[in-house]
Amino acid sequence: MKHPTLEETDAAIARTQDRLAARNAVLARWFSDTIAVMEAKIASRLDDPGDRAQARTAAFLFVKRLLHQWATRPVHEVAPGDSPPKESRRLK
């Protein structure tokens, strides 16, 4: 399996960052901060801590999974104050 290069990973991160920034500045900031923290944690556990490509790719995939899980969470897991989807609201 071919691992992505640092440049390919950076391009994917930039595209995701741009899409998030266009929708929600707070979420875009969380994305950037979380990628940085996870990359540092993952790099410290690698045999070669200088291999930024592997650490950054793993951090990016982790954060993408978190975003997907958050976006597709069931209605009963919606945070208080969030509006439930229209189809789950009762008609009065």
PDB file of N, CA and C in Angstrom:
ATOM      1  N   MET A   1       0.835  -1.170   0.000  1.00  0.00           N
ATOM      2  CA  MET A   1       0.000   0.000   0.000  1.00  0.00           C
ATOM      3  C   MET A   1       0.887   1.244   0.000  1.00  0.00           C
ATOM      4  N   LYS A   2       0.592   2.159  -0.903  1.00  0.00           N
ATOM      5  CA  LYS A   2       1.367   3.389  -1.010  1.00  0.00           C
ATOM      6  C   LYS A   2       0.873   4.392   0.026  1.00  0.00           C
ATOM      7  N   HIS A   3       1.782   4.892   0.822  1.00  0.00           N
ATOM      8  CA  HIS A   3       1.428   5.913   1.809  1.00  0.00           C
ATOM      9  C   HIS A   3       1.501   7.282   1.148  1.00  0.00           C
ATOM     10  N   PRO A   4       0.584   8.175   1.492  1.00  0.00           N
ATOM     11  CA  PRO A   4       0.625   9.511   0.887  1.00  0.00           C
ATOM     12  C   PRO A   4       1.863  10.285   1.342  1.00  0.00           C
ATOM     13  N   THR A   5       2.325  11.145   0.457  1.00  0.00           N
ATOM     14  CA  THR A   5       3.466  11.987   0.809  1.00  0.00           C
ATOM     15  C   THR A   5       2.993  13.118   1.715  1.00  0.00           C
ATOM     16  N   LEU A   6       3.944  13.820   2.282  1.00  0.00           N
ATOM     17  CA  LEU A   6       3.618  14.959   3.137  1.00  0.00           C
ATOM     18  C   LEU A   6       2.860  16.023   2.340  1.00  0.00           C
ATOM     19  N   GLU A   7       3.257  16.234   1.092  1.00  0.00           N
ATOM     20  CA  GLU A   7       2.596  17.234   0.246  1.00  0.00           C
ATOM     21  C   GLU A   7       1.155  16.836  -0.055  1.00  0.00           C
ATOM     22  N   GLU A   8       0.926  15.552  -0.336  1.00  0.00           N
ATOM     23  CA  GLU A   8      -0.443  15.080  -0.605  1.00  0.00           C
ATOM     24  C   GLU A   8      -1.325  15.232   0.635  1.00  0.00           C
ATOM     25  N   THR A   9      -0.775  14.893   1.775  1.00  0.00           N
ATOM     26  CA  THR A   9      -1.533  15.029   3.023  1.00  0.00           C
ATOM     27  C   THR A   9      -1.818  16.495   3.322  1.00  0.00           C
ATOM     28  N   ASP A  10      -0.821  17.353   3.136  1.00  0.00           N
ATOM     29  CA  ASP A  10      -1.027  18.787   3.368  1.00  0.00           C
ATOM     30  C   ASP A  10      -2.095  19.353   2.439  1.00  0.00           C
ATOM     31  N   ALA A  11      -2.127  18.892   1.194  1.00  0.00           N
ATOM     32  CA  ALA A  11      -3.146  19.363   0.244  1.00  0.00           C
ATOM     33  C   ALA A  11      -4.538  18.920   0.693  1.00  0.00           C
ATOM     34  N   ALA A  12      -4.662  17.686   1.156  1.00  0.00           N
ATOM     35  CA  ALA A  12      -5.956  17.186   1.637  1.00  0.00           C
ATOM     36  C   ALA A  12      -6.396  17.942   2.889  1.00  0.00           C
ATOM     37  N   ILE A  13      -5.463  18.216   3.784  1.00  0.00           N
ATOM     38  CA  ILE A  13      -5.777  18.975   4.997  1.00  0.00           C
ATOM     39  C   ILE A  13      -6.223  20.384   4.624  1.00  0.00           C
ATOM     40  N   ALA A  14      -5.539  21.009   3.682  1.00  0.00           N
ATOM     41  CA  ALA A  14      -5.898  22.374   3.260  1.00  0.00           C
ATOM     42  C   ALA A  14      -7.293  22.415   2.642  1.00  0.00           C
ATOM     43  N   ARG A  15      -7.627  21.418   1.818  1.00  0.00           N
ATOM     44  CA  ARG A  15      -8.978  21.365   1.216  1.00  0.00           C
ATOM     45  C   ARG A  15     -10.045  21.228   2.297  1.00  0.00           C
ATOM     46  N   THR A  16      -9.817  20.338   3.240  1.00  0.00           N
ATOM     47  CA  THR A  16     -10.777  20.144   4.326  1.00  0.00           C
ATOM     48  C   THR A  16     -10.880  21.408   5.173  1.00  0.00           C
ATOM     49  N   GLN A  17      -9.752  22.013   5.475  1.00  0.00           N
ATOM     50  CA  GLN A  17      -9.730  23.250   6.261  1.00  0.00           C
ATOM     51  C   GLN A  17     -10.527  24.353   5.557  1.00  0.00           C
ATOM     52  N   ASP A  18     -10.348  24.495   4.253  1.00  0.00           N
ATOM     53  CA  ASP A  18     -11.076  25.517   3.492  1.00  0.00           C
ATOM     54  C   ASP A  18     -12.576  25.268   3.516  1.00  0.00           C
ATOM     55  N   ARG A  19     -12.971  24.011   3.345  1.00  0.00           N
ATOM     56  CA  ARG A  19     -14.410  23.682   3.379  1.00  0.00           C
ATOM     57  C   ARG A  19     -15.001  23.974   4.751  1.00  0.00           C
ATOM     58  N   LEU A  20     -14.290  23.608   5.802  1.00  0.00           N
ATOM     59  CA  LEU A  20     -14.789  23.873   7.152  1.00  0.00           C
ATOM     60  C   LEU A  20     -14.840  25.372   7.443  1.00  0.00           C
ATOM     61  N   ALA A  21     -13.822  26.103   7.022  1.00  0.00           N
ATOM     62  CA  ALA A  21     -13.777  27.548   7.274  1.00  0.00           C
ATOM     63  C   ALA A  21     -14.926  28.267   6.581  1.00  0.00           C
ATOM     64  N   ALA A  22     -15.339  27.764   5.428  1.00  0.00           N
ATOM     65  CA  ALA A  22     -16.454  28.380   4.707  1.00  0.00           C
ATOM     66  C   ALA A  22     -17.776  28.165   5.439  1.00  0.00           C
ATOM     67  N   ARG A  23     -17.852  27.117   6.255  1.00  0.00           N
ATOM     68  CA  ARG A  23     -19.099  26.786   6.959  1.00  0.00           C
ATOM     69  C   ARG A  23     -19.115  27.239   8.409  1.00  0.00           C
ATOM     70  N   ASN A  24     -17.983  27.052   9.099  1.00  0.00           N
ATOM     71  CA  ASN A  24     -17.981  27.266  10.542  1.00  0.00           C
ATOM     72  C   ASN A  24     -16.551  27.542  11.010  1.00  0.00           C
ATOM     73  N   ALA A  25     -16.281  28.772  11.419  1.00  0.00           N
ATOM     74  CA  ALA A  25     -14.928  29.167  11.824  1.00  0.00           C
ATOM     75  C   ALA A  25     -14.459  28.424  13.072  1.00  0.00           C
ATOM     76  N   VAL A  26     -15.363  28.179  13.997  1.00  0.00           N
ATOM     77  CA  VAL A  26     -14.993  27.473  15.233  1.00  0.00           C
ATOM     78  C   VAL A  26     -14.594  26.032  14.920  1.00  0.00           C
ATOM     79  N   LEU A  27     -15.359  25.378  14.064  1.00  0.00           N
ATOM     80  CA  LEU A  27     -15.046  24.003  13.683  1.00  0.00           C
ATOM     81  C   LEU A  27     -13.727  23.943  12.914  1.00  0.00           C
ATOM     82  N   ALA A  28     -13.474  24.922  12.072  1.00  0.00           N
ATOM     83  CA  ALA A  28     -12.215  24.969  11.327  1.00  0.00           C
ATOM     84  C   ALA A  28     -11.032  25.122  12.285  1.00  0.00           C
ATOM     85  N   ARG A  29     -11.191  25.943  13.304  1.00  0.00           N
ATOM     86  CA  ARG A  29     -10.125  26.136  14.296  1.00  0.00           C
ATOM     87  C   ARG A  29      -9.898  24.847  15.097  1.00  0.00           C
ATOM     88  N   TRP A  30     -10.994  24.193  15.490  1.00  0.00           N
ATOM     89  CA  TRP A  30     -10.889  22.921  16.203  1.00  0.00           C
ATOM     90  C   TRP A  30     -10.135  21.903  15.346  1.00  0.00           C
ATOM     91  N   PHE A  31     -10.463  21.855  14.054  1.00  0.00           N
ATOM     92  CA  PHE A  31      -9.820  20.928  13.125  1.00  0.00           C
ATOM     93  C   PHE A  31      -8.306  21.154  13.111  1.00  0.00           C
ATOM     94  N   SER A  32      -7.885  22.395  12.940  1.00  0.00           N
ATOM     95  CA  SER A  32      -6.448  22.716  12.886  1.00  0.00           C
ATOM     96  C   SER A  32      -5.740  22.373  14.196  1.00  0.00           C
ATOM     97  N   ASP A  33      -6.343  22.769  15.299  1.00  0.00           N
ATOM     98  CA  ASP A  33      -5.734  22.513  16.606  1.00  0.00           C
ATOM     99  C   ASP A  33      -5.635  21.021  16.903  1.00  0.00           C
ATOM    100  N   THR A  34      -6.687  20.285  16.579  1.00  0.00           N
ATOM    101  CA  THR A  34      -6.706  18.847  16.857  1.00  0.00           C
ATOM    102  C   THR A  34      -5.705  18.108  15.988  1.00  0.00           C
ATOM    103  N   ILE A  35      -5.591  18.499  14.721  1.00  0.00           N
ATOM    104  CA  ILE A  35      -4.586  17.885  13.838  1.00  0.00           C
ATOM    105  C   ILE A  35      -3.189  18.082  14.442  1.00  0.00           C
ATOM    106  N   ALA A  36      -2.887  19.289  14.886  1.00  0.00           N
ATOM    107  CA  ALA A  36      -1.556  19.582  15.434  1.00  0.00           C
ATOM    108  C   ALA A  36      -1.272  18.753  16.687  1.00  0.00           C
ATOM    109  N   VAL A  37      -2.243  18.679  17.580  1.00  0.00           N
ATOM    110  CA  VAL A  37      -2.060  17.916  18.821  1.00  0.00           C
ATOM    111  C   VAL A  37      -1.893  16.429  18.521  1.00  0.00           C
ATOM    112  N   MET A  38      -2.757  15.891  17.665  1.00  0.00           N
ATOM    113  CA  MET A  38      -2.685  14.461  17.354  1.00  0.00           C
ATOM    114  C   MET A  38      -1.398  14.120  16.611  1.00  0.00           C
ATOM    115  N   GLU A  39      -0.966  15.001  15.715  1.00  0.00           N
ATOM    116  CA  GLU A  39       0.285  14.752  14.994  1.00  0.00           C
ATOM    117  C   GLU A  39       1.455  14.659  15.976  1.00  0.00           C
ATOM    118  N   ALA A  40       1.499  15.552  16.953  1.00  0.00           N
ATOM    119  CA  ALA A  40       2.579  15.523  17.948  1.00  0.00           C
ATOM    120  C   ALA A  40       2.524  14.246  18.785  1.00  0.00           C
ATOM    121  N   LYS A  41       1.327  13.843  19.200  1.00  0.00           N
ATOM    122  CA  LYS A  41       1.193  12.619  20.007  1.00  0.00           C
ATOM    123  C   LYS A  41       1.605  11.388  19.210  1.00  0.00           C
ATOM    124  N   ILE A  42       1.163  11.322  17.961  1.00  0.00           N
ATOM    125  CA  ILE A  42       1.481  10.158  17.130  1.00  0.00           C
ATOM    126  C   ILE A  42       2.969  10.126  16.815  1.00  0.00           C
ATOM    127  N   ALA A  43       3.565  11.270  16.503  1.00  0.00           N
ATOM    128  CA  ALA A  43       4.993  11.328  16.166  1.00  0.00           C
ATOM    129  C   ALA A  43       5.855  10.857  17.331  1.00  0.00           C
ATOM    130  N   SER A  44       5.437  11.170  18.550  1.00  0.00           N
ATOM    131  CA  SER A  44       6.235  10.768  19.714  1.00  0.00           C
ATOM    132  C   SER A  44       6.250   9.257  19.906  1.00  0.00           C
ATOM    133  N   ARG A  45       5.302   8.566  19.316  1.00  0.00           N
ATOM    134  CA  ARG A  45       5.220   7.105  19.485  1.00  0.00           C
ATOM    135  C   ARG A  45       5.828   6.334  18.316  1.00  0.00           C
ATOM    136  N   LEU A  46       6.228   7.024  17.273  1.00  0.00           N
ATOM    137  CA  LEU A  46       6.797   6.356  16.109  1.00  0.00           C
ATOM    138  C   LEU A  46       8.259   5.998  16.345  1.00  0.00           C
ATOM    139  N   ASP A  47       8.735   4.991  15.596  1.00  0.00           N
ATOM    140  CA  ASP A  47      10.151   4.632  15.669  1.00  0.00           C
ATOM    141  C   ASP A  47      11.016   5.790  15.185  1.00  0.00           C
ATOM    142  N   ASP A  48      10.525   6.498  14.163  1.00  0.00           N
ATOM    143  CA  ASP A  48      11.232   7.654  13.617  1.00  0.00           C
ATOM    144  C   ASP A  48      10.367   8.894  13.823  1.00  0.00           C
ATOM    145  N   PRO A  49      10.518   9.601  14.949  1.00  0.00           N
ATOM    146  CA  PRO A  49       9.681  10.767  15.229  1.00  0.00           C
ATOM    147  C   PRO A  49       9.807  11.869  14.182  1.00  0.00           C
ATOM    148  N   GLY A  50      10.850  11.819  13.373  1.00  0.00           N
ATOM    149  CA  GLY A  50      11.033  12.812  12.320  1.00  0.00           C
ATOM    150  C   GLY A  50      10.200  12.544  11.083  1.00  0.00           C
ATOM    151  N   ASP A  51       9.530  11.397  11.030  1.00  0.00           N
ATOM    152  CA  ASP A  51       8.692  11.046   9.879  1.00  0.00           C
ATOM    153  C   ASP A  51       7.352  11.767   9.997  1.00  0.00           C
ATOM    154  N   ARG A  52       7.343  13.025   9.603  1.00  0.00           N
ATOM    155  CA  ARG A  52       6.143  13.847   9.738  1.00  0.00           C
ATOM    156  C   ARG A  52       5.012  13.370   8.838  1.00  0.00           C
ATOM    157  N   ALA A  53       5.339  12.793   7.694  1.00  0.00           N
ATOM    158  CA  ALA A  53       4.287  12.372   6.758  1.00  0.00           C
ATOM    159  C   ALA A  53       3.391  11.316   7.391  1.00  0.00           C
ATOM    160  N   GLN A  54       3.984  10.324   8.013  1.00  0.00           N
ATOM    161  CA  GLN A  54       3.199   9.252   8.626  1.00  0.00           C
ATOM    162  C   GLN A  54       2.365   9.782   9.789  1.00  0.00           C
ATOM    163  N   ALA A  55       2.964  10.615  10.620  1.00  0.00           N
ATOM    164  CA  ALA A  55       2.239  11.164  11.773  1.00  0.00           C
ATOM    165  C   ALA A  55       1.106  12.082  11.327  1.00  0.00           C
ATOM    166  N   ARG A  56       1.364  12.939  10.350  1.00  0.00           N
ATOM    167  CA  ARG A  56       0.335  13.870   9.886  1.00  0.00           C
ATOM    168  C   ARG A  56      -0.808  13.130   9.201  1.00  0.00           C
ATOM    169  N   THR A  57      -0.486  12.100   8.418  1.00  0.00           N
ATOM    170  CA  THR A  57      -1.530  11.320   7.756  1.00  0.00           C
ATOM    171  C   THR A  57      -2.404  10.616   8.786  1.00  0.00           C
ATOM    172  N   ALA A  58      -1.789  10.017   9.786  1.00  0.00           N
ATOM    173  CA  ALA A  58      -2.560   9.332  10.829  1.00  0.00           C
ATOM    174  C   ALA A  58      -3.440  10.320  11.591  1.00  0.00           C
ATOM    175  N   ALA A  59      -2.907  11.494  11.903  1.00  0.00           N
ATOM    176  CA  ALA A  59      -3.693  12.518  12.606  1.00  0.00           C
ATOM    177  C   ALA A  59      -4.866  12.983  11.750  1.00  0.00           C
ATOM    178  N   PHE A  60      -4.620  13.199  10.465  1.00  0.00           N
ATOM    179  CA  PHE A  60      -5.676  13.639   9.550  1.00  0.00           C
ATOM    180  C   PHE A  60      -6.786  12.597   9.455  1.00  0.00           C
ATOM    181  N   LEU A  61      -6.420  11.343   9.309  1.00  0.00           N
ATOM    182  CA  LEU A  61      -7.431  10.284   9.223  1.00  0.00           C
ATOM    183  C   LEU A  61      -8.227  10.174  10.519  1.00  0.00           C
ATOM    184  N   PHE A  62      -7.565  10.323  11.651  1.00  0.00           N
ATOM    185  CA  PHE A  62      -8.243  10.279  12.942  1.00  0.00           C
ATOM    186  C   PHE A  62      -9.267  11.409  13.055  1.00  0.00           C
ATOM    187  N   VAL A  63      -8.859  12.628  12.716  1.00  0.00           N
ATOM    188  CA  VAL A  63      -9.752  13.780  12.834  1.00  0.00           C
ATOM    189  C   VAL A  63     -10.895  13.683  11.825  1.00  0.00           C
ATOM    190  N   LYS A  64     -10.616  13.175  10.629  1.00  0.00           N
ATOM    191  CA  LYS A  64     -11.701  12.991   9.650  1.00  0.00           C
ATOM    192  C   LYS A  64     -12.740  12.003  10.175  1.00  0.00           C
ATOM    193  N   ARG A  65     -12.285  10.933  10.817  1.00  0.00           N
ATOM    194  CA  ARG A  65     -13.227   9.970  11.400  1.00  0.00           C
ATOM    195  C   ARG A  65     -14.046  10.609  12.511  1.00  0.00           C
ATOM    196  N   LEU A  66     -13.414  11.443  13.328  1.00  0.00           N
ATOM    197  CA  LEU A  66     -14.153  12.154  14.379  1.00  0.00           C
ATOM    198  C   LEU A  66     -15.224  13.056  13.780  1.00  0.00           C
ATOM    199  N   LEU A  67     -14.876  13.801  12.749  1.00  0.00           N
ATOM    200  CA  LEU A  67     -15.849  14.687  12.101  1.00  0.00           C
ATOM    201  C   LEU A  67     -17.009  13.889  11.517  1.00  0.00           C
ATOM    202  N   HIS A  68     -16.689  12.775  10.876  1.00  0.00           N
ATOM    203  CA  HIS A  68     -17.739  11.943  10.284  1.00  0.00           C
ATOM    204  C   HIS A  68     -18.648  11.375  11.370  1.00  0.00           C
ATOM    205  N   GLN A  69     -18.051  10.899  12.447  1.00  0.00           N
ATOM    206  CA  GLN A  69     -18.843  10.341  13.547  1.00  0.00           C
ATOM    207  C   GLN A  69     -19.747  11.414  14.144  1.00  0.00           C
ATOM    208  N   TRP A  70     -19.226  12.618  14.320  1.00  0.00           N
ATOM    209  CA  TRP A  70     -20.013  13.715  14.874  1.00  0.00           C
ATOM    210  C   TRP A  70     -21.150  14.097  13.926  1.00  0.00           C
ATOM    211  N   ALA A  71     -20.866  14.149  12.633  1.00  0.00           N
ATOM    212  CA  ALA A  71     -21.870  14.578  11.657  1.00  0.00           C
ATOM    213  C   ALA A  71     -22.976  13.550  11.465  1.00  0.00           C
ATOM    214  N   THR A  72     -22.687  12.290  11.729  1.00  0.00           N
ATOM    215  CA  THR A  72     -23.677  11.237  11.490  1.00  0.00           C
ATOM    216  C   THR A  72     -24.226  10.642  12.777  1.00  0.00           C
ATOM    217  N   ARG A  73     -24.048  11.334  13.878  1.00  0.00           N
ATOM    218  CA  ARG A  73     -24.532  10.797  15.156  1.00  0.00           C
ATOM    219  C   ARG A  73     -26.058  10.676  15.149  1.00  0.00           C
ATOM    220  N   PRO A  74     -26.571   9.676  15.832  1.00  0.00           N
ATOM    221  CA  PRO A  74     -28.026   9.489  15.894  1.00  0.00           C
ATOM    222  C   PRO A  74     -28.706  10.655  16.608  1.00  0.00           C
ATOM    223  N   VAL A  75     -29.983  10.815  16.352  1.00  0.00           N
ATOM    224  CA  VAL A  75     -30.746  11.925  16.921  1.00  0.00           C
ATOM    225  C   VAL A  75     -30.679  11.923  18.441  1.00  0.00           C
ATOM    226  N   HIS A  76     -30.732  10.746  19.076  1.00  0.00           N
ATOM    227  CA  HIS A  76     -30.724  10.701  20.540  1.00  0.00           C
ATOM    228  C   HIS A  76     -29.387  11.150  21.136  1.00  0.00           C
ATOM    229  N   GLU A  77     -28.344  11.294  20.317  1.00  0.00           N
ATOM    230  CA  GLU A  77     -27.051  11.756  20.804  1.00  0.00           C
ATOM    231  C   GLU A  77     -26.810  13.235  20.519  1.00  0.00           C
ATOM    232  N   VAL A  78     -27.789  13.921  19.971  1.00  0.00           N
ATOM    233  CA  VAL A  78     -27.623  15.336  19.669  1.00  0.00           C
ATOM    234  C   VAL A  78     -27.459  16.102  20.974  1.00  0.00           C
ATOM    235  N   ALA A  79     -26.507  17.005  20.996  1.00  0.00           N
ATOM    236  CA  ALA A  79     -26.225  17.776  22.210  1.00  0.00           C
ATOM    237  C   ALA A  79     -27.424  18.637  22.587  1.00  0.00           C
ATOM    238  N   PRO A  80     -27.646  18.853  23.887  1.00  0.00           N
ATOM    239  CA  PRO A  80     -28.742  19.721  24.315  1.00  0.00           C
ATOM    240  C   PRO A  80     -28.591  21.102  23.686  1.00  0.00           C
ATOM    241  N   GLY A  81     -29.698  21.634  23.249  1.00  0.00           N
ATOM    242  CA  GLY A  81     -29.667  22.940  22.606  1.00  0.00           C
ATOM    243  C   GLY A  81     -29.581  22.850  21.097  1.00  0.00           C
ATOM    244  N   ASP A  82     -29.072  21.723  20.575  1.00  0.00           N
ATOM    245  CA  ASP A  82     -29.075  21.529  19.126  1.00  0.00           C
ATOM    246  C   ASP A  82     -30.492  21.216  18.699  1.00  0.00           C
ATOM    247  N   SER A  83     -30.862  21.710  17.585  1.00  0.00           N
ATOM    248  CA  SER A  83     -32.198  21.445  17.071  1.00  0.00           C
ATOM    249  C   SER A  83     -32.218  20.075  16.410  1.00  0.00           C
ATOM    250  N   PRO A  84     -33.173  19.214  16.779  1.00  0.00           N
ATOM    251  CA  PRO A  84     -33.242  17.909  16.119  1.00  0.00           C
ATOM    252  C   PRO A  84     -33.668  18.081  14.668  1.00  0.00           C
ATOM    253  N   PRO A  85     -33.362  17.114  13.824  1.00  0.00           N
ATOM    254  CA  PRO A  85     -33.777  17.201  12.427  1.00  0.00           C
ATOM    255  C   PRO A  85     -35.291  17.365  12.316  1.00  0.00           C
ATOM    256  N   LYS A  86     -35.733  18.029  11.265  1.00  0.00           N
ATOM    257  CA  LYS A  86     -37.152  18.326  11.093  1.00  0.00           C
ATOM    258  C   LYS A  86     -38.016  17.072  11.137  1.00  0.00           C
ATOM    259  N   GLU A  87     -37.545  15.988  10.538  1.00  0.00           N
ATOM    260  CA  GLU A  87     -38.371  14.787  10.473  1.00  0.00           C
ATOM    261  C   GLU A  87     -38.582  14.141  11.846  1.00  0.00           C
ATOM    262  N   SER A  88     -37.774  14.499  12.838  1.00  0.00           N
ATOM    263  CA  SER A  88     -37.956  13.903  14.162  1.00  0.00           C
ATOM    264  C   SER A  88     -38.782  14.794  15.097  1.00  0.00           C
ATOM    265  N   ARG A  89     -39.104  16.005  14.650  1.00  0.00           N
ATOM    266  CA  ARG A  89     -39.934  16.891  15.473  1.00  0.00           C
ATOM    267  C   ARG A  89     -41.391  16.455  15.389  1.00  0.00           C
ATOM    268  N   ARG A  90     -42.100  16.615  16.487  1.00  0.00           N
ATOM    269  CA  ARG A  90     -43.528  16.282  16.490  1.00  0.00           C
ATOM    270  C   ARG A  90     -44.320  17.426  15.889  1.00  0.00           C
ATOM    271  N   LEU A  91     -45.302  17.060  15.141  1.00  0.00           N
ATOM    272  CA  LEU A  91     -46.213  18.068  14.606  1.00  0.00           C
ATOM    273  C   LEU A  91     -47.209  18.434  15.683  1.00  0.00           C
ATOM    274  N   LYS A  92     -47.499  19.696  15.822  1.00  0.00           N
ATOM    275  CA  LYS A  92     -48.443  20.140  16.853  1.00  0.00           C
ATOM    276  C   LYS A  92     -49.768  20.485  16.230  1.00  0.00           C
TER     277      LYS A  92
END
